[in-house]
């Protein structure tokens, strides 16, 4: 039986496409709820309507599906504290040119 820790371990290598950190480290993957062979991932977004949402969802879904689990997700907005941490990590890990 898969555990939440198993899923998190598999997601630790899912990187943000523009920031040199994983979605887990950035706080975008906020929580995982395992129930009935389904992993429901809670995504915390720094801003509403981010244009790469479905890219992020797809990149997280693949390792989960490869584990033999079903995948569901929901989104929420980061708290101000979570967003401040995200923005700090974004500044540190930004892959683009300044």
N, C-alpha and C. Protein backbone atom coordinates (compact mmCIF):
# COMPACT_ATOMS: atom_id res chain seq x y z
N UNK A 1 0.85 -1.19 0.00
CA UNK A 1 0.00 0.00 0.00
C UNK A 1 0.88 1.25 0.00
N UNK A 2 0.58 2.17 -0.86
CA UNK A 2 1.34 3.41 -0.98
C UNK A 2 0.97 4.35 0.17
N UNK A 3 1.97 5.11 0.62
CA UNK A 3 1.73 6.09 1.68
C UNK A 3 1.91 7.50 1.13
N UNK A 4 1.47 8.46 1.90
CA UNK A 4 1.66 9.86 1.54
C UNK A 4 3.14 10.16 1.37
N UNK A 5 3.98 9.57 2.23
CA UNK A 5 5.42 9.78 2.14
C UNK A 5 5.98 9.22 0.85
N UNK A 6 5.46 8.07 0.39
CA UNK A 6 5.89 7.50 -0.89
C UNK A 6 5.60 8.47 -2.03
N UNK A 7 4.40 9.03 -2.02
CA UNK A 7 4.01 9.97 -3.08
C UNK A 7 4.88 11.22 -3.02
N UNK A 8 5.05 11.78 -1.82
CA UNK A 8 5.90 12.97 -1.69
C UNK A 8 7.31 12.71 -2.18
N UNK A 9 7.86 11.56 -1.85
CA UNK A 9 9.22 11.23 -2.28
C UNK A 9 9.30 11.22 -3.81
N UNK A 10 8.28 10.68 -4.47
CA UNK A 10 8.25 10.66 -5.93
C UNK A 10 8.08 12.05 -6.53
N UNK A 11 7.47 12.95 -5.78
CA UNK A 11 7.24 14.29 -6.31
C UNK A 11 8.39 15.26 -6.01
N UNK A 12 9.33 14.86 -5.17
CA UNK A 12 10.43 15.75 -4.80
C UNK A 12 11.29 16.14 -5.99
N UNK A 13 11.25 15.36 -7.06
CA UNK A 13 12.06 15.66 -8.24
C UNK A 13 11.29 16.37 -9.34
N UNK A 14 10.03 16.69 -9.09
CA UNK A 14 9.23 17.40 -10.10
C UNK A 14 9.57 18.89 -9.97
N UNK A 15 10.30 19.38 -10.95
CA UNK A 15 10.82 20.74 -10.89
C UNK A 15 9.84 21.74 -11.51
N UNK A 16 9.90 22.97 -11.01
CA UNK A 16 9.18 24.07 -11.63
C UNK A 16 9.89 24.38 -12.95
N UNK A 17 9.16 24.68 -14.01
CA UNK A 17 9.81 24.89 -15.30
C UNK A 17 10.70 26.15 -15.36
N UNK A 18 10.44 27.14 -14.51
CA UNK A 18 11.21 28.39 -14.59
C UNK A 18 12.02 28.69 -13.34
N UNK A 19 11.89 27.84 -12.32
CA UNK A 19 12.56 28.08 -11.04
C UNK A 19 13.33 26.81 -10.68
N UNK A 20 14.55 26.96 -10.25
CA UNK A 20 15.41 25.81 -9.98
C UNK A 20 15.10 25.10 -8.66
N UNK A 21 13.82 24.91 -8.36
CA UNK A 21 13.40 24.19 -7.16
C UNK A 21 12.21 23.32 -7.52
N UNK A 22 11.99 22.29 -6.70
CA UNK A 22 10.86 21.40 -6.94
C UNK A 22 9.56 22.08 -6.52
N UNK A 23 8.47 21.57 -7.04
CA UNK A 23 7.14 22.08 -6.67
C UNK A 23 6.86 21.84 -5.20
N UNK A 24 7.44 20.76 -4.65
CA UNK A 24 7.27 20.49 -3.22
C UNK A 24 8.00 21.55 -2.40
N UNK A 25 9.27 21.82 -2.74
CA UNK A 25 10.05 22.81 -1.99
C UNK A 25 9.43 24.21 -2.09
N UNK A 26 8.89 24.53 -3.26
CA UNK A 26 8.28 25.85 -3.46
C UNK A 26 6.94 25.99 -2.73
N UNK A 27 6.41 24.89 -2.24
CA UNK A 27 5.13 24.94 -1.53
C UNK A 27 3.93 24.87 -2.45
N UNK A 28 4.17 24.67 -3.74
CA UNK A 28 3.06 24.56 -4.69
C UNK A 28 2.30 23.26 -4.46
N UNK A 29 3.04 22.17 -4.23
CA UNK A 29 2.39 20.93 -3.79
C UNK A 29 2.26 21.06 -2.28
N UNK A 30 1.06 21.43 -1.85
CA UNK A 30 0.84 21.75 -0.44
C UNK A 30 0.51 20.52 0.40
N UNK A 31 -0.29 19.62 -0.17
CA UNK A 31 -0.70 18.45 0.59
C UNK A 31 -1.10 17.35 -0.37
N UNK A 32 -1.10 16.13 0.15
CA UNK A 32 -1.54 14.96 -0.59
C UNK A 32 -2.47 14.18 0.32
N UNK A 33 -3.63 13.85 -0.21
CA UNK A 33 -4.61 13.05 0.52
C UNK A 33 -4.75 11.73 -0.22
N UNK A 34 -4.43 10.64 0.46
CA UNK A 34 -4.55 9.31 -0.13
C UNK A 34 -5.81 8.64 0.39
N UNK A 35 -6.63 8.20 -0.56
CA UNK A 35 -7.87 7.53 -0.19
C UNK A 35 -8.32 6.66 -1.35
N UNK A 36 -8.62 5.39 -1.08
CA UNK A 36 -9.14 4.48 -2.10
C UNK A 36 -8.28 4.44 -3.36
N UNK A 37 -6.96 4.28 -3.19
CA UNK A 37 -6.02 4.18 -4.29
C UNK A 37 -6.00 5.45 -5.16
N UNK A 38 -6.40 6.56 -4.59
CA UNK A 38 -6.38 7.85 -5.28
C UNK A 38 -5.53 8.83 -4.48
N UNK A 39 -4.64 9.51 -5.19
CA UNK A 39 -3.86 10.59 -4.58
C UNK A 39 -4.47 11.91 -5.02
N UNK A 40 -4.99 12.63 -4.06
CA UNK A 40 -5.53 13.96 -4.35
C UNK A 40 -4.48 14.98 -3.91
N UNK A 41 -3.97 15.73 -4.86
CA UNK A 41 -2.92 16.72 -4.60
C UNK A 41 -3.57 18.08 -4.44
N UNK A 42 -3.19 18.75 -3.36
CA UNK A 42 -3.65 20.12 -3.13
C UNK A 42 -2.54 21.04 -3.61
N UNK A 43 -2.83 21.81 -4.64
CA UNK A 43 -1.88 22.78 -5.16
C UNK A 43 -2.16 24.13 -4.52
N UNK A 44 -1.14 24.76 -3.98
CA UNK A 44 -1.26 26.12 -3.45
C UNK A 44 -0.57 27.04 -4.45
N UNK A 45 -1.32 27.97 -4.98
CA UNK A 45 -0.79 28.86 -6.02
C UNK A 45 -0.51 30.24 -5.43
N UNK A 46 0.58 30.87 -5.88
CA UNK A 46 0.90 32.19 -5.35
C UNK A 46 -0.06 33.27 -5.85
N UNK A 47 -0.64 33.05 -7.03
CA UNK A 47 -1.53 34.03 -7.66
C UNK A 47 -2.67 33.28 -8.34
N UNK A 48 -3.84 33.89 -8.46
CA UNK A 48 -4.92 33.23 -9.20
C UNK A 48 -4.60 33.21 -10.70
N UNK A 49 -5.16 32.25 -11.39
CA UNK A 49 -5.08 32.18 -12.86
C UNK A 49 -3.66 32.14 -13.41
N UNK A 50 -2.77 31.37 -12.78
CA UNK A 50 -1.42 31.30 -13.32
C UNK A 50 -1.45 30.52 -14.64
N UNK A 51 -0.74 31.02 -15.65
CA UNK A 51 -0.86 30.43 -16.99
C UNK A 51 -0.29 29.03 -17.13
N UNK A 52 0.59 28.60 -16.22
CA UNK A 52 1.20 27.28 -16.36
C UNK A 52 0.55 26.24 -15.45
N UNK A 53 -0.62 26.54 -14.92
CA UNK A 53 -1.27 25.62 -13.99
C UNK A 53 -1.36 24.20 -14.55
N UNK A 54 -1.86 24.07 -15.77
CA UNK A 54 -2.07 22.72 -16.29
C UNK A 54 -0.76 22.01 -16.60
N UNK A 55 0.30 22.75 -16.89
CA UNK A 55 1.63 22.14 -17.03
C UNK A 55 2.08 21.58 -15.69
N UNK A 56 1.85 22.35 -14.62
CA UNK A 56 2.23 21.89 -13.29
C UNK A 56 1.43 20.66 -12.89
N UNK A 57 0.13 20.70 -13.14
CA UNK A 57 -0.74 19.56 -12.81
C UNK A 57 -0.28 18.32 -13.57
N UNK A 58 0.00 18.47 -14.85
CA UNK A 58 0.44 17.33 -15.66
C UNK A 58 1.75 16.77 -15.13
N UNK A 59 2.69 17.65 -14.81
CA UNK A 59 4.01 17.17 -14.34
C UNK A 59 3.91 16.44 -13.01
N UNK A 60 2.93 16.78 -12.18
CA UNK A 60 2.71 16.09 -10.91
C UNK A 60 1.91 14.80 -11.12
N UNK A 61 1.00 14.82 -12.06
CA UNK A 61 0.15 13.65 -12.27
C UNK A 61 0.93 12.44 -12.76
N UNK A 62 1.94 12.65 -13.58
CA UNK A 62 2.64 11.53 -14.20
C UNK A 62 3.32 10.60 -13.18
N UNK A 63 4.12 11.11 -12.24
CA UNK A 63 4.71 10.18 -11.26
C UNK A 63 3.67 9.46 -10.42
N UNK A 64 2.56 10.13 -10.14
CA UNK A 64 1.49 9.50 -9.34
C UNK A 64 0.84 8.37 -10.13
N UNK A 65 0.51 8.64 -11.39
CA UNK A 65 -0.08 7.61 -12.24
C UNK A 65 0.89 6.44 -12.44
N UNK A 66 2.18 6.75 -12.54
CA UNK A 66 3.20 5.70 -12.69
C UNK A 66 3.32 4.83 -11.44
N UNK A 67 2.86 5.34 -10.31
CA UNK A 67 2.84 4.55 -9.07
C UNK A 67 1.63 3.62 -9.01
N UNK A 68 0.76 3.71 -10.01
CA UNK A 68 -0.44 2.88 -10.02
C UNK A 68 -1.60 3.49 -9.25
N UNK A 69 -1.50 4.77 -8.94
CA UNK A 69 -2.56 5.47 -8.23
C UNK A 69 -3.40 6.29 -9.20
N UNK A 70 -4.62 6.54 -8.83
CA UNK A 70 -5.44 7.51 -9.56
C UNK A 70 -5.05 8.90 -9.08
N UNK A 71 -5.31 9.89 -9.90
CA UNK A 71 -4.89 11.25 -9.60
C UNK A 71 -6.08 12.21 -9.63
N UNK A 72 -6.17 13.01 -8.59
CA UNK A 72 -7.13 14.12 -8.54
C UNK A 72 -6.39 15.31 -7.98
N UNK A 73 -6.95 16.49 -8.20
CA UNK A 73 -6.31 17.67 -7.62
C UNK A 73 -7.33 18.74 -7.33
N UNK A 74 -6.93 19.66 -6.47
CA UNK A 74 -7.68 20.89 -6.26
C UNK A 74 -6.66 22.00 -6.04
N UNK A 75 -7.10 23.21 -6.24
CA UNK A 75 -6.20 24.34 -6.09
C UNK A 75 -6.71 25.28 -5.00
N UNK A 76 -5.76 25.96 -4.41
CA UNK A 76 -6.07 27.01 -3.44
C UNK A 76 -5.01 28.09 -3.62
N UNK A 77 -5.21 29.21 -2.99
CA UNK A 77 -4.20 30.27 -3.02
C UNK A 77 -3.33 30.17 -1.79
N UNK A 78 -2.07 30.51 -1.97
CA UNK A 78 -1.14 30.52 -0.84
C UNK A 78 -1.53 31.61 0.14
N UNK A 79 -1.22 31.37 1.41
CA UNK A 79 -1.35 32.43 2.41
C UNK A 79 -0.28 33.48 2.12
N UNK A 80 -0.37 34.62 2.76
CA UNK A 80 0.65 35.67 2.55
C UNK A 80 2.03 35.17 2.96
N UNK A 81 2.10 34.40 4.04
CA UNK A 81 3.38 33.84 4.50
C UNK A 81 3.93 32.84 3.48
N UNK A 82 3.07 31.96 2.98
CA UNK A 82 3.51 30.98 1.97
C UNK A 82 3.96 31.68 0.69
N UNK A 83 3.22 32.74 0.31
CA UNK A 83 3.58 33.47 -0.91
C UNK A 83 4.91 34.19 -0.75
N UNK A 84 5.17 34.75 0.42
CA UNK A 84 6.45 35.42 0.67
C UNK A 84 7.60 34.42 0.56
N UNK A 85 7.42 33.23 1.11
CA UNK A 85 8.45 32.19 1.01
C UNK A 85 8.65 31.78 -0.45
N UNK A 86 7.55 31.59 -1.18
CA UNK A 86 7.63 31.25 -2.60
C UNK A 86 8.40 32.32 -3.37
N UNK A 87 8.07 33.57 -3.15
CA UNK A 87 8.72 34.66 -3.89
C UNK A 87 10.21 34.74 -3.57
N UNK A 88 10.58 34.46 -2.34
CA UNK A 88 11.99 34.44 -1.96
C UNK A 88 12.71 33.31 -2.71
N UNK A 89 12.13 32.12 -2.72
CA UNK A 89 12.74 31.00 -3.44
C UNK A 89 12.75 31.25 -4.94
N UNK A 90 11.71 31.90 -5.45
CA UNK A 90 11.67 32.23 -6.88
C UNK A 90 12.85 33.13 -7.24
N UNK A 91 13.10 34.14 -6.40
CA UNK A 91 14.22 35.06 -6.66
C UNK A 91 15.56 34.32 -6.61
N UNK A 92 15.69 33.39 -5.70
CA UNK A 92 16.94 32.62 -5.57
C UNK A 92 17.15 31.64 -6.72
N UNK A 93 16.07 31.06 -7.20
CA UNK A 93 16.20 29.97 -8.16
C UNK A 93 15.76 30.27 -9.57
N UNK A 94 15.48 31.54 -9.88
CA UNK A 94 14.97 31.89 -11.21
C UNK A 94 15.96 31.49 -12.29
N UNK A 95 15.49 30.78 -13.30
CA UNK A 95 16.35 30.29 -14.38
C UNK A 95 16.55 31.31 -15.49
N UNK A 96 15.63 32.26 -15.63
CA UNK A 96 15.70 33.24 -16.71
C UNK A 96 16.76 34.29 -16.47
N UNK A 97 16.84 35.20 -17.42
CA UNK A 97 17.81 36.29 -17.28
C UNK A 97 17.14 37.45 -16.56
N UNK A 98 17.92 38.19 -15.84
CA UNK A 98 17.39 39.35 -15.09
C UNK A 98 17.61 40.62 -15.85
